């Protein structure tokens, strides 16, 4: 009975490992997206917000941006009271749609974050941060209507850009921290499976079976786990320091934050690769155990 239970447990763990790797637990698509567009697409697919609403806001943003660029070009060609008026009007419309589109993107982030926060793995409550940024954007609507000078319009543009930078970098920190916290329980399960493998090898050896290959595979599996544990511990140390962010996950230095996120990202990729190697060895162990099972 114990023999069958050990073999089934190893098989179950192998399947669970495959699922987790396929889901990208250790390399979240959002955290590793190379552009804001890719990040937005990934989060949108996981959100409950209507895709039609997102698409409409995006289209309004793109159209108004085109009108703004056209108005600016006309002003450069001919600086008249009419072209100045048209540029101001186009800028206001563009900024209103930029605020609307950015707000929707933040709502998508918030929606996804709240779901993640319901687990025990979230490093901080990012949904509160995002809610604050949404409020700031809404308060900018009146500033857009009141703006008259180039400096006033530019201040609004800078404000929107700053909000998005905060939300973008803080969401990367949140996702990396959440994924890294999940690795802890995964490594614990891996070590438990190693103990079960050892017990199964001992049982086979006592029964007179040749266990040399199994022992070699277990060593390889344990080495992969240890390598994963080392890189995971390094990533955890970086996340505990969270350089560039305060204890509530709020950005306070963008340059430091990017360096911290990039380094943590790299370590988590290494952890992912080590675990992937361990999974491959685990599959070999399971195949070998099936081969040695009587009948």
Protein backbone atom coordinates (compact mmCIF):
# COMPACT_ATOMS: atom_id res chain seq x y z
CA UNK A 1 0.00 0.00 0.00
CA UNK A 2 2.82 2.42 0.92
CA UNK A 3 4.61 1.59 -2.35
CA UNK A 4 1.55 2.46 -4.40
CA UNK A 5 0.88 5.59 -2.38
CA UNK A 6 4.45 6.87 -2.82
CA UNK A 7 4.37 6.25 -6.55
CA UNK A 8 1.01 7.97 -6.92
CA UNK A 9 2.18 10.95 -4.88
CA UNK A 10 5.25 11.35 -7.09
CA UNK A 11 3.06 11.12 -10.18
CA UNK A 12 0.63 13.69 -8.79
CA UNK A 13 3.46 16.07 -8.02
CA UNK A 14 4.86 15.66 -11.52
CA UNK A 15 1.48 16.59 -13.01
CA UNK A 16 1.11 19.55 -10.65
CA UNK A 17 4.57 20.76 -11.65
CA UNK A 18 3.63 20.63 -15.31
CA UNK A 19 0.47 22.64 -14.72
CA UNK A 20 2.30 25.30 -12.72
CA UNK A 21 5.00 25.62 -15.35
CA UNK A 22 2.43 25.89 -18.11
CA UNK A 23 0.58 28.60 -16.19
CA UNK A 24 3.83 30.53 -15.97
CA UNK A 25 3.73 30.76 -12.19
CA UNK A 26 7.42 31.51 -12.00
CA UNK A 27 7.52 33.78 -15.03
CA UNK A 28 4.29 35.80 -15.02
CA UNK A 29 3.49 37.13 -18.47
CA UNK A 30 2.53 40.51 -17.07
CA UNK A 31 5.75 40.97 -15.13
CA UNK A 32 7.90 40.02 -18.07
CA UNK A 33 5.98 41.76 -20.86
CA UNK A 34 8.42 43.92 -22.76
CA UNK A 35 6.08 46.80 -23.53
CA UNK A 36 3.17 48.56 -21.78
CA UNK A 37 0.95 47.39 -24.65
CA UNK A 38 1.76 43.75 -23.92
CA UNK A 39 1.18 44.34 -20.20
CA UNK A 40 -2.19 45.94 -20.91
CA UNK A 41 -3.24 43.09 -23.21
CA UNK A 42 -2.29 40.44 -20.63
CA UNK A 43 -4.16 42.10 -17.77
CA UNK A 44 -7.19 42.87 -19.93
CA UNK A 45 -7.55 39.19 -20.79
CA UNK A 46 -7.74 38.38 -17.05
CA UNK A 47 -10.18 41.16 -16.14
CA UNK A 48 -13.95 41.22 -15.80
CA UNK A 49 -14.18 44.68 -17.40
CA UNK A 50 -16.01 44.70 -20.73
CA UNK A 51 -13.63 44.35 -23.70
CA UNK A 52 -15.97 46.62 -25.70
CA UNK A 53 -15.51 49.39 -23.15
CA UNK A 54 -11.75 49.03 -23.31
CA UNK A 55 -11.71 48.94 -27.10
CA UNK A 56 -13.94 52.00 -27.34
CA UNK A 57 -11.77 53.99 -24.93
CA UNK A 58 -8.66 52.95 -26.80
CA UNK A 59 -10.17 54.00 -30.13
CA UNK A 60 -11.22 57.41 -28.75
CA UNK A 61 -7.70 57.86 -27.37
CA UNK A 62 -6.07 57.01 -30.70
CA UNK A 63 -8.45 59.18 -32.71
CA UNK A 64 -8.05 62.17 -30.42
CA UNK A 65 -4.28 61.75 -30.46
CA UNK A 66 -4.35 61.88 -34.24
CA UNK A 67 -6.48 65.04 -34.15
CA UNK A 68 -4.07 66.60 -31.66
CA UNK A 69 -1.06 65.84 -33.88
CA UNK A 70 -2.86 67.27 -36.91
CA UNK A 71 -3.78 70.46 -35.02
CA UNK A 72 -0.19 70.88 -33.88
CA UNK A 73 1.07 70.44 -37.44
CA UNK A 74 -1.39 73.07 -38.71
CA UNK A 75 -0.18 75.50 -36.05
CA UNK A 76 3.42 74.97 -37.10
CA UNK A 77 2.44 75.69 -40.70
CA UNK A 78 0.38 78.78 -39.91
CA UNK A 79 0.25 80.40 -36.47
CA UNK A 80 -3.13 82.18 -36.38
CA UNK A 81 -5.77 82.71 -33.73
CA UNK A 82 -7.80 79.93 -35.37
CA UNK A 83 -4.99 77.35 -35.36
CA UNK A 84 -4.13 78.27 -31.75
CA UNK A 85 -7.77 77.80 -30.74
CA UNK A 86 -8.01 74.51 -32.63
CA UNK A 87 -4.84 73.18 -30.97
CA UNK A 88 -6.11 74.05 -27.49
CA UNK A 89 -9.42 72.37 -28.22
CA UNK A 90 -7.74 69.28 -29.68
CA UNK A 91 -5.38 69.11 -26.70
CA UNK A 92 -8.28 69.21 -24.24
CA UNK A 93 -10.15 66.46 -26.06
CA UNK A 94 -6.99 64.37 -26.29
CA UNK A 95 -6.25 64.76 -22.58
CA UNK A 96 -9.82 63.88 -21.58
CA UNK A 97 -9.63 60.67 -23.60
CA UNK A 98 -6.14 59.94 -22.29
CA UNK A 99 -7.44 60.22 -18.73
CA UNK A 100 -10.42 58.03 -19.56
CA UNK A 101 -8.31 55.34 -21.24
CA UNK A 102 -5.68 55.39 -18.47
CA UNK A 103 -8.43 55.13 -15.85
CA UNK A 104 -9.88 52.05 -17.51
CA UNK A 105 -6.45 50.43 -17.67
CA UNK A 106 -6.02 51.13 -13.96
CA UNK A 107 -9.46 49.68 -13.23
CA UNK A 108 -8.38 46.51 -15.04
CA UNK A 109 -5.25 46.38 -12.89
CA UNK A 110 -7.30 46.95 -9.75
CA UNK A 111 -9.78 44.24 -10.68
CA UNK A 112 -7.00 41.72 -11.18
CA UNK A 113 -5.16 42.84 -8.04
CA UNK A 114 -8.18 42.38 -5.78
CA UNK A 115 -8.45 38.77 -6.94
CA UNK A 116 -4.77 38.18 -6.21
CA UNK A 117 -5.03 39.85 -2.81
CA UNK A 118 -7.58 37.27 -1.70
CA UNK A 119 -4.75 34.73 -1.53
CA UNK A 120 -2.08 34.63 1.17
CA UNK A 121 0.68 35.39 -1.30
CA UNK A 122 0.20 39.11 -2.01
CA UNK A 123 3.19 41.15 -0.75
CA UNK A 124 1.08 44.27 -0.17
CA UNK A 125 -2.36 45.71 -0.98
CA UNK A 126 -1.83 47.30 -4.36
CA UNK A 127 -5.54 47.87 -5.03
CA UNK A 128 -5.48 50.73 -2.50
CA UNK A 129 -2.62 52.36 -4.40
CA UNK A 130 -4.42 52.00 -7.72
CA UNK A 131 -7.65 53.42 -6.30
CA UNK A 132 -5.72 56.51 -5.25
CA UNK A 133 -4.31 56.94 -8.75
CA UNK A 134 -7.78 56.64 -10.26
CA UNK A 135 -8.98 59.42 -7.94
CA UNK A 136 -6.05 61.60 -8.98
CA UNK A 137 -6.91 61.13 -12.64
CA UNK A 138 -10.56 62.05 -12.05
CA UNK A 139 -9.46 65.24 -10.29
CA UNK A 140 -7.43 66.21 -13.37
CA UNK A 141 -10.55 66.58 -15.51
CA UNK A 142 -11.22 70.06 -14.09
CA UNK A 143 -7.57 71.00 -14.63
CA UNK A 144 -7.90 70.06 -18.31
CA UNK A 145 -10.89 72.37 -18.75
CA UNK A 146 -9.13 75.23 -16.95
CA UNK A 147 -5.80 74.90 -18.76
CA UNK A 148 -4.90 77.69 -21.20
CA UNK A 149 -1.13 77.83 -21.46
CA UNK A 150 1.37 75.35 -22.84
CA UNK A 151 2.85 74.99 -19.36
CA UNK A 152 -0.52 74.14 -17.84
CA UNK A 153 -1.23 71.48 -20.46
CA UNK A 154 2.28 70.06 -20.08
CA UNK A 155 1.83 69.82 -16.29
CA UNK A 156 -1.27 67.67 -16.83
CA UNK A 157 0.55 65.45 -19.31
CA UNK A 158 3.40 65.02 -16.83
CA UNK A 159 0.92 64.18 -14.10
CA UNK A 160 -0.75 61.45 -16.16
CA UNK A 161 2.65 60.02 -17.11
CA UNK A 162 3.77 60.01 -13.48
CA UNK A 163 0.62 58.18 -12.36
CA UNK A 164 1.06 55.53 -15.03
CA UNK A 165 4.73 55.08 -14.14
CA UNK A 166 3.77 54.50 -10.49
CA UNK A 167 1.03 52.02 -11.36
CA UNK A 168 3.14 50.18 -13.91
CA UNK A 169 6.21 49.69 -11.69
CA UNK A 170 4.16 48.95 -8.58
CA UNK A 171 2.18 46.30 -10.44
CA UNK A 172 5.42 44.65 -11.57
CA UNK A 173 6.62 44.58 -7.95
CA UNK A 174 3.28 43.18 -6.81
CA UNK A 175 3.26 40.38 -9.38
CA UNK A 176 6.89 39.40 -8.79
CA UNK A 177 6.32 39.37 -5.03
CA UNK A 178 3.15 37.30 -5.33
CA UNK A 179 4.80 34.76 -7.63
CA UNK A 180 7.89 34.53 -5.43
CA UNK A 181 5.77 33.86 -2.34
CA UNK A 182 4.12 30.96 -4.14
CA UNK A 183 7.52 29.40 -4.78
CA UNK A 184 7.98 28.82 -1.03
CA UNK A 185 5.15 26.31 -0.81
CA UNK A 186 6.20 24.75 -4.09
CA UNK A 187 9.75 24.09 -2.83
CA UNK A 188 8.38 22.61 0.37
CA UNK A 189 6.32 20.17 -1.65
CA UNK A 190 9.37 19.37 -3.76
CA UNK A 191 11.40 18.47 -0.67
CA UNK A 192 8.55 16.32 0.62
CA UNK A 193 8.46 14.43 -2.66
CA UNK A 194 12.23 13.90 -2.44
CA UNK A 195 11.71 12.22 0.93
CA UNK A 196 9.09 9.94 -0.59
CA UNK A 197 11.41 9.08 -3.47
CA UNK A 198 14.13 8.18 -1.00
CA UNK A 199 11.75 5.93 0.92
CA UNK A 200 10.71 4.21 -2.30
CA UNK A 201 14.33 3.68 -3.35
CA UNK A 202 15.10 2.16 0.06
CA UNK A 203 12.13 -0.20 -0.24
CA UNK A 204 13.25 -1.33 -3.70
CA UNK A 205 16.84 -1.82 -2.52
CA UNK A 206 15.64 -3.94 0.41
CA UNK A 207 13.66 -6.01 -2.09
CA UNK A 208 16.86 -6.72 -4.04
CA UNK A 209 16.13 -4.32 -6.95
CA UNK A 210 18.90 -2.40 -8.73
CA UNK A 211 18.39 1.23 -7.63
CA UNK A 212 21.57 2.80 -8.99
CA UNK A 213 19.79 4.75 -11.71
CA UNK A 214 17.06 5.91 -9.32
CA UNK A 215 19.66 7.10 -6.83
CA UNK A 216 21.45 9.03 -9.56
CA UNK A 217 18.19 10.61 -10.70
CA UNK A 218 17.28 11.56 -7.14
CA UNK A 219 20.64 13.30 -6.75
CA UNK A 220 19.95 15.25 -9.94
CA UNK A 221 16.47 16.13 -8.71
CA UNK A 222 17.78 17.28 -5.32
CA UNK A 223 20.48 19.35 -7.03
CA UNK A 224 17.85 21.08 -9.16
CA UNK A 225 15.77 21.82 -6.04
CA UNK A 226 18.81 23.20 -4.21
CA UNK A 227 19.73 25.41 -7.16
CA UNK A 228 16.14 26.68 -7.28
CA UNK A 229 16.20 27.29 -3.55
CA UNK A 230 19.40 29.36 -3.79
CA UNK A 231 18.12 31.68 -6.52
CA UNK A 232 14.75 31.87 -4.77
CA UNK A 233 16.42 32.98 -1.54
CA UNK A 234 18.34 35.68 -3.41
CA UNK A 235 15.11 36.92 -5.01
CA UNK A 236 13.40 36.90 -1.60
CA UNK A 237 16.17 39.03 -0.12
CA UNK A 238 15.75 41.59 -2.89
CA UNK A 239 11.98 41.61 -2.45
CA UNK A 240 12.35 42.08 1.30
CA UNK A 241 14.50 45.16 0.64
CA UNK A 242 12.18 46.32 -2.22
CA UNK A 243 14.59 49.06 -3.27
CA UNK A 244 12.73 51.96 -4.88
CA UNK A 245 9.45 51.24 -3.07
CA UNK A 246 8.16 51.93 0.43
CA UNK A 247 6.63 49.30 2.71
CA UNK A 248 3.20 49.84 1.17
CA UNK A 249 4.52 49.13 -2.32
CA UNK A 250 4.43 52.79 -3.37
CA UNK A 251 7.13 53.89 -5.81
CA UNK A 252 9.61 56.41 -4.45
CA UNK A 253 12.54 56.10 -6.88
CA UNK A 254 11.88 54.93 -10.44
CA UNK A 255 15.52 54.28 -11.40
CA UNK A 256 16.23 52.19 -8.29
CA UNK A 257 12.92 50.40 -8.70
CA UNK A 258 13.67 49.35 -12.29
CA UNK A 259 17.07 47.98 -11.28
CA UNK A 260 15.51 46.04 -8.41
CA UNK A 261 12.72 44.64 -10.60
CA UNK A 262 15.06 43.64 -13.41
CA UNK A 263 17.42 41.84 -11.02
CA UNK A 264 14.56 40.08 -9.25
CA UNK A 265 13.04 39.17 -12.59
CA UNK A 266 16.31 37.55 -13.68
CA UNK A 267 16.62 35.52 -10.47
CA UNK A 268 13.05 34.29 -10.76
CA UNK A 269 13.70 33.20 -14.34
CA UNK A 270 16.69 31.21 -13.06
CA UNK A 271 14.48 29.66 -10.37
CA UNK A 272 11.95 28.77 -13.04
CA UNK A 273 14.63 27.08 -15.15
CA UNK A 274 15.96 25.07 -12.19
CA UNK A 275 12.46 23.89 -11.34
CA UNK A 276 11.87 23.01 -14.95
CA UNK A 277 15.04 20.89 -14.88
CA UNK A 278 13.81 19.25 -11.69
CA UNK A 279 10.49 18.46 -13.30
CA UNK A 280 12.23 16.73 -16.22
CA UNK A 281 14.20 14.56 -13.79
CA UNK A 282 11.03 13.85 -11.81
CA UNK A 283 9.39 12.51 -14.94
CA UNK A 284 12.35 10.17 -15.43
CA UNK A 285 12.08 9.03 -11.81
CA UNK A 286 8.40 8.29 -12.23
CA UNK A 287 9.06 6.31 -15.41
CA UNK A 288 11.78 4.34 -13.65
CA UNK A 289 9.52 3.61 -10.68
CA UNK A 290 6.82 2.32 -13.02
CA UNK A 291 9.43 0.10 -14.65
CA UNK A 292 10.44 -1.33 -11.26
CA UNK A 293 6.89 -1.81 -10.00
CA UNK A 294 5.92 -5.48 -9.94
CA UNK A 295 3.29 -6.41 -12.51
